Amino acid sequence: MRWTDINDIAIELCEAHPEVDPLSVNFVDLRAWVLALPEFDDDPNHSGEKILEAIQAAWIEERD
């Protein structure tokens, strides 16, 4: 997965952290959790606030 695979990342985060409310996650933790996903393989420096916001929004949608 790459940073642009927002929906796939959201699904993986939902499965990896089912007890977490995505609205309560700060971007520092969110970035770290994405980087820790086993299937994630992209440059850590290519993330930004817009990408993290999109991942968080997709995670919220996936959870609902």
PDB file of N, CA and C in Angstrom:
ATOM      1  N   MET A   1       0.830  -1.185   0.000  1.00  0.00           N
ATOM      2  CA  MET A   1       0.000   0.000   0.000  1.00  0.00           C
ATOM      3  C   MET A   1       0.870   1.242   0.000  1.00  0.00           C
ATOM      4  N   ARG A   2       0.289   2.270  -0.611  1.00  0.00           N
ATOM      5  CA  ARG A   2       0.955   3.571  -0.663  1.00  0.00           C
ATOM      6  C   ARG A   2       0.042   4.607  -0.020  1.00  0.00           C
ATOM      7  N   TRP A   3       0.553   5.805   0.196  1.00  0.00           N
ATOM      8  CA  TRP A   3      -0.237   6.860   0.825  1.00  0.00           C
ATOM      9  C   TRP A   3      -1.529   7.132   0.059  1.00  0.00           C
ATOM     10  N   THR A   4      -1.506   6.919  -1.243  1.00  0.00           N
ATOM     11  CA  THR A   4      -2.685   7.203  -2.063  1.00  0.00           C
ATOM     12  C   THR A   4      -3.754   6.114  -1.966  1.00  0.00           C
ATOM     13  N   ASP A   5      -3.458   5.007  -1.343  1.00  0.00           N
ATOM     14  CA  ASP A   5      -4.422   3.906  -1.165  1.00  0.00           C
ATOM     15  C   ASP A   5      -5.256   4.154   0.086  1.00  0.00           C
ATOM     16  N   ILE A   6      -5.941   5.277   0.089  1.00  0.00           N
ATOM     17  CA  ILE A   6      -6.625   5.767   1.285  1.00  0.00           C
ATOM     18  C   ILE A   6      -7.663   4.786   1.811  1.00  0.00           C
ATOM     19  N   ASN A   7      -8.490   4.243   0.926  1.00  0.00           N
ATOM     20  CA  ASN A   7      -9.535   3.321   1.387  1.00  0.00           C
ATOM     21  C   ASN A   7      -8.951   2.019   1.927  1.00  0.00           C
ATOM     22  N   ASP A   8      -7.924   1.512   1.276  1.00  0.00           N
ATOM     23  CA  ASP A   8      -7.274   0.289   1.772  1.00  0.00           C
ATOM     24  C   ASP A   8      -6.644   0.528   3.146  1.00  0.00           C
ATOM     25  N   ILE A   9      -6.023   1.674   3.312  1.00  0.00           N
ATOM     26  CA  ILE A   9      -5.424   2.022   4.602  1.00  0.00           C
ATOM     27  C   ILE A   9      -6.511   2.111   5.673  1.00  0.00           C
ATOM     28  N   ALA A  10      -7.632   2.740   5.325  1.00  0.00           N
ATOM     29  CA  ALA A  10      -8.735   2.879   6.285  1.00  0.00           C
ATOM     30  C   ALA A  10      -9.253   1.511   6.728  1.00  0.00           C
ATOM     31  N   ILE A  11      -9.384   0.593   5.792  1.00  0.00           N
ATOM     32  CA  ILE A  11      -9.848  -0.760   6.127  1.00  0.00           C
ATOM     33  C   ILE A  11      -8.860  -1.436   7.066  1.00  0.00           C
ATOM     34  N   GLU A  12      -7.583  -1.325   6.755  1.00  0.00           N
ATOM     35  CA  GLU A  12      -6.552  -1.943   7.596  1.00  0.00           C
ATOM     36  C   GLU A  12      -6.528  -1.321   8.996  1.00  0.00           C
ATOM     37  N   LEU A  13      -6.689  -0.014   9.091  1.00  0.00           N
ATOM     38  CA  LEU A  13      -6.708   0.642  10.396  1.00  0.00           C
ATOM     39  C   LEU A  13      -7.932   0.214  11.199  1.00  0.00           C
ATOM     40  N   CYS A  14      -9.047   0.067  10.522  1.00  0.00           N
ATOM     41  CA  CYS A  14     -10.279  -0.372  11.186  1.00  0.00           C
ATOM     42  C   CYS A  14     -10.091  -1.768  11.776  1.00  0.00           C
ATOM     43  N   GLU A  15      -9.414  -2.632  11.039  1.00  0.00           N
ATOM     44  CA  GLU A  15      -9.166  -3.995  11.514  1.00  0.00           C
ATOM     45  C   GLU A  15      -8.090  -4.034  12.599  1.00  0.00           C
ATOM     46  N   ALA A  16      -7.080  -3.176  12.473  1.00  0.00           N
ATOM     47  CA  ALA A  16      -5.966  -3.183  13.426  1.00  0.00           C
ATOM     48  C   ALA A  16      -6.323  -2.504  14.748  1.00  0.00           C
ATOM     49  N   HIS A  17      -7.259  -1.557  14.697  1.00  0.00           N
ATOM     50  CA  HIS A  17      -7.604  -0.774  15.892  1.00  0.00           C
ATOM     51  C   HIS A  17      -9.120  -0.662  16.027  1.00  0.00           C
ATOM     52  N   PRO A  18      -9.816  -1.789  16.204  1.00  0.00           N
ATOM     53  CA  PRO A  18     -11.290  -1.753  16.243  1.00  0.00           C
ATOM     54  C   PRO A  18     -11.861  -0.989  17.434  1.00  0.00           C
ATOM     55  N   GLU A  19     -11.082  -0.848  18.488  1.00  0.00           N
ATOM     56  CA  GLU A  19     -11.582  -0.182  19.692  1.00  0.00           C
ATOM     57  C   GLU A  19     -11.381   1.331  19.664  1.00  0.00           C
ATOM     58  N   VAL A  20     -10.717   1.831  18.630  1.00  0.00           N
ATOM     59  CA  VAL A  20     -10.348   3.246  18.574  1.00  0.00           C
ATOM     60  C   VAL A  20     -11.378   4.046  17.784  1.00  0.00           C
ATOM     61  N   ASP A  21     -11.757   5.195  18.340  1.00  0.00           N
ATOM     62  CA  ASP A  21     -12.590   6.149  17.616  1.00  0.00           C
ATOM     63  C   ASP A  21     -11.656   6.987  16.751  1.00  0.00           C
ATOM     64  N   PRO A  22     -11.781   6.915  15.424  1.00  0.00           N
ATOM     65  CA  PRO A  22     -10.870   7.659  14.543  1.00  0.00           C
ATOM     66  C   PRO A  22     -10.869   9.169  14.804  1.00  0.00           C
ATOM     67  N   LEU A  23     -11.971   9.688  15.329  1.00  0.00           N
ATOM     68  CA  LEU A  23     -12.019  11.118  15.623  1.00  0.00           C
ATOM     69  C   LEU A  23     -11.096  11.512  16.773  1.00  0.00           C
ATOM     70  N   SER A  24     -10.719  10.539  17.589  1.00  0.00           N
ATOM     71  CA  SER A  24      -9.876  10.836  18.743  1.00  0.00           C
ATOM     72  C   SER A  24      -8.380  10.686  18.453  1.00  0.00           C
ATOM     73  N   VAL A  25      -8.037  10.287  17.237  1.00  0.00           N
ATOM     74  CA  VAL A  25      -6.636  10.027  16.887  1.00  0.00           C
ATOM     75  C   VAL A  25      -5.998  11.293  16.324  1.00  0.00           C
ATOM     76  N   ASN A  26      -4.870  11.676  16.907  1.00  0.00           N
ATOM     77  CA  ASN A  26      -4.151  12.826  16.358  1.00  0.00           C
ATOM     78  C   ASN A  26      -3.311  12.385  15.163  1.00  0.00           C
ATOM     79  N   PHE A  27      -2.891  13.335  14.361  1.00  0.00           N
ATOM     80  CA  PHE A  27      -2.193  12.990  13.123  1.00  0.00           C
ATOM     81  C   PHE A  27      -0.822  12.360  13.358  1.00  0.00           C
ATOM     82  N   VAL A  28      -0.186  12.665  14.457  1.00  0.00           N
ATOM     83  CA  VAL A  28       1.109  12.041  14.768  1.00  0.00           C
ATOM     84  C   VAL A  28       0.913  10.536  14.963  1.00  0.00           C
ATOM     85  N   ASP A  29      -0.088  10.169  15.752  1.00  0.00           N
ATOM     86  CA  ASP A  29      -0.374   8.746  15.974  1.00  0.00           C
ATOM     87  C   ASP A  29      -0.887   8.075  14.701  1.00  0.00           C
ATOM     88  N   LEU A  30      -1.762   8.769  13.974  1.00  0.00           N
ATOM     89  CA  LEU A  30      -2.310   8.199  12.745  1.00  0.00           C
ATOM     90  C   LEU A  30      -1.197   7.880  11.758  1.00  0.00           C
ATOM     91  N   ARG A  31      -0.268   8.791  11.585  1.00  0.00           N
ATOM     92  CA  ARG A  31       0.858   8.575  10.679  1.00  0.00           C
ATOM     93  C   ARG A  31       1.681   7.364  11.126  1.00  0.00           C
ATOM     94  N   ALA A  32       1.933   7.271  12.417  1.00  0.00           N
ATOM     95  CA  ALA A  32       2.710   6.151  12.951  1.00  0.00           C
ATOM     96  C   ALA A  32       1.981   4.830  12.737  1.00  0.00           C
ATOM     97  N   TRP A  33       0.666   4.819  12.931  1.00  0.00           N
ATOM     98  CA  TRP A  33      -0.108   3.590  12.748  1.00  0.00           C
ATOM     99  C   TRP A  33      -0.128   3.162  11.285  1.00  0.00           C
ATOM    100  N   VAL A  34      -0.211   4.133  10.368  1.00  0.00           N
ATOM    101  CA  VAL A  34      -0.173   3.798   8.944  1.00  0.00           C
ATOM    102  C   VAL A  34       1.187   3.196   8.600  1.00  0.00           C
ATOM    103  N   LEU A  35       2.245   3.826   9.064  1.00  0.00           N
ATOM    104  CA  LEU A  35       3.591   3.319   8.773  1.00  0.00           C
ATOM    105  C   LEU A  35       3.806   1.916   9.346  1.00  0.00           C
ATOM    106  N   ALA A  36       3.091   1.579  10.416  1.00  0.00           N
ATOM    107  CA  ALA A  36       3.250   0.272  11.059  1.00  0.00           C
ATOM    108  C   ALA A  36       2.427  -0.828  10.386  1.00  0.00           C
ATOM    109  N   LEU A  37       1.550  -0.469   9.470  1.00  0.00           N
ATOM    110  CA  LEU A  37       0.739  -1.495   8.809  1.00  0.00           C
ATOM    111  C   LEU A  37       1.648  -2.424   8.002  1.00  0.00           C
ATOM    112  N   PRO A  38       1.450  -3.741   8.116  1.00  0.00           N
ATOM    113  CA  PRO A  38       2.334  -4.694   7.437  1.00  0.00           C
ATOM    114  C   PRO A  38       2.392  -4.526   5.918  1.00  0.00           C
ATOM    115  N   GLU A  39       1.290  -4.151   5.311  1.00  0.00           N
ATOM    116  CA  GLU A  39       1.235  -4.035   3.853  1.00  0.00           C
ATOM    117  C   GLU A  39       1.693  -2.667   3.342  1.00  0.00           C
ATOM    118  N   PHE A  40       1.962  -1.735   4.258  1.00  0.00           N
ATOM    119  CA  PHE A  40       2.329  -0.384   3.837  1.00  0.00           C
ATOM    120  C   PHE A  40       3.780  -0.345   3.403  1.00  0.00           C
ATOM    121  N   ASP A  41       4.007   0.222   2.205  1.00  0.00           N
ATOM    122  CA  ASP A  41       5.361   0.307   1.672  1.00  0.00           C
ATOM    123  C   ASP A  41       5.484   1.566   0.806  1.00  0.00           C
ATOM    124  N   ASP A  42       5.660   2.686   1.463  1.00  0.00           N
ATOM    125  CA  ASP A  42       5.816   3.951   0.751  1.00  0.00           C
ATOM    126  C   ASP A  42       6.756   4.838   1.563  1.00  0.00           C
ATOM    127  N   ASP A  43       7.208   5.894   0.935  1.00  0.00           N
ATOM    128  CA  ASP A  43       8.123   6.823   1.585  1.00  0.00           C
ATOM    129  C   ASP A  43       7.401   7.528   2.740  1.00  0.00           C
ATOM    130  N   PRO A  44       7.898   7.388   3.960  1.00  0.00           N
ATOM    131  CA  PRO A  44       7.257   8.035   5.114  1.00  0.00           C
ATOM    132  C   PRO A  44       7.161   9.553   4.969  1.00  0.00           C
ATOM    133  N   ASN A  45       8.040  10.142   4.200  1.00  0.00           N
ATOM    134  CA  ASN A  45       8.071  11.588   4.053  1.00  0.00           C
ATOM    135  C   ASN A  45       7.047  12.117   3.049  1.00  0.00           C
ATOM    136  N   HIS A  46       6.324  11.229   2.390  1.00  0.00           N
ATOM    137  CA  HIS A  46       5.330  11.665   1.411  1.00  0.00           C
ATOM    138  C   HIS A  46       3.951  11.872   2.019  1.00  0.00           C
ATOM    139  N   SER A  47       3.849  11.791   3.316  1.00  0.00           N
ATOM    140  CA  SER A  47       2.553  12.043   3.958  1.00  0.00           C
ATOM    141  C   SER A  47       2.450  13.534   4.284  1.00  0.00           C
ATOM    142  N   GLY A  48       1.220  13.993   4.312  1.00  0.00           N
ATOM    143  CA  GLY A  48       0.965  15.381   4.675  1.00  0.00           C
ATOM    144  C   GLY A  48      -0.387  15.464   5.350  1.00  0.00           C
ATOM    145  N   GLU A  49      -0.726  16.655   5.784  1.00  0.00           N
ATOM    146  CA  GLU A  49      -1.974  16.833   6.514  1.00  0.00           C
ATOM    147  C   GLU A  49      -3.191  16.454   5.667  1.00  0.00           C
ATOM    148  N   LYS A  50      -3.177  16.795   4.375  1.00  0.00           N
ATOM    149  CA  LYS A  50      -4.315  16.472   3.511  1.00  0.00           C
ATOM    150  C   LYS A  50      -4.504  14.963   3.384  1.00  0.00           C
ATOM    151  N   ILE A  51      -3.427  14.236   3.225  1.00  0.00           N
ATOM    152  CA  ILE A  51      -3.521  12.778   3.107  1.00  0.00           C
ATOM    153  C   ILE A  51      -4.017  12.180   4.418  1.00  0.00           C
ATOM    154  N   LEU A  52      -3.480  12.646   5.532  1.00  0.00           N
ATOM    155  CA  LEU A  52      -3.908  12.129   6.829  1.00  0.00           C
ATOM    156  C   LEU A  52      -5.371  12.450   7.102  1.00  0.00           C
ATOM    157  N   GLU A  53      -5.822  13.636   6.700  1.00  0.00           N
ATOM    158  CA  GLU A  53      -7.236  13.985   6.847  1.00  0.00           C
ATOM    159  C   GLU A  53      -8.113  13.043   6.019  1.00  0.00           C
ATOM    160  N   ALA A  54      -7.685  12.748   4.802  1.00  0.00           N
ATOM    161  CA  ALA A  54      -8.445  11.857   3.929  1.00  0.00           C
ATOM    162  C   ALA A  54      -8.494  10.444   4.501  1.00  0.00           C
ATOM    163  N   ILE A  55      -7.373   9.980   5.058  1.00  0.00           N
ATOM    164  CA  ILE A  55      -7.335   8.653   5.680  1.00  0.00           C
ATOM    165  C   ILE A  55      -8.267   8.615   6.882  1.00  0.00           C
ATOM    166  N   GLN A  56      -8.223   9.655   7.705  1.00  0.00           N
ATOM    167  CA  GLN A  56      -9.085   9.705   8.882  1.00  0.00           C
ATOM    168  C   GLN A  56     -10.561   9.704   8.465  1.00  0.00           C
ATOM    169  N   ALA A  57     -10.915  10.477   7.447  1.00  0.00           N
ATOM    170  CA  ALA A  57     -12.298  10.530   6.976  1.00  0.00           C
ATOM    171  C   ALA A  57     -12.747   9.177   6.432  1.00  0.00           C
ATOM    172  N   ALA A  58     -11.879   8.510   5.685  1.00  0.00           N
ATOM    173  CA  ALA A  58     -12.211   7.193   5.151  1.00  0.00           C
ATOM    174  C   ALA A  58     -12.350   6.173   6.275  1.00  0.00           C
ATOM    175  N   TRP A  59     -11.532   6.290   7.298  1.00  0.00           N
ATOM    176  CA  TRP A  59     -11.601   5.386   8.451  1.00  0.00           C
ATOM    177  C   TRP A  59     -12.938   5.581   9.179  1.00  0.00           C
ATOM    178  N   ILE A  60     -13.339   6.831   9.342  1.00  0.00           N
ATOM    179  CA  ILE A  60     -14.622   7.121   9.992  1.00  0.00           C
ATOM    180  C   ILE A  60     -15.767   6.498   9.184  1.00  0.00           C
ATOM    181  N   GLU A  61     -15.705   6.680   7.869  1.00  0.00           N
ATOM    182  CA  GLU A  61     -16.740   6.118   7.001  1.00  0.00           C
ATOM    183  C   GLU A  61     -16.741   4.592   7.048  1.00  0.00           C
ATOM    184  N   GLU A  62     -15.570   3.991   7.036  1.00  0.00           N
ATOM    185  CA  GLU A  62     -15.443   2.539   7.094  1.00  0.00           C
ATOM    186  C   GLU A  62     -16.005   1.988   8.404  1.00  0.00           C
ATOM    187  N   ARG A  63     -15.740   2.687   9.478  1.00  0.00           N
ATOM    188  CA  ARG A  63     -16.209   2.241  10.790  1.00  0.00           C
ATOM    189  C   ARG A  63     -17.734   2.296  10.892  1.00  0.00           C
ATOM    190  N   ASP A  64     -18.320   3.292  10.264  1.00  0.00           N
ATOM    191  CA  ASP A  64     -19.773   3.442  10.317  1.00  0.00           C
ATOM    192  C   ASP A  64     -20.399   2.471   9.358  1.00  0.00           C
TER     193      ASP A  64
END
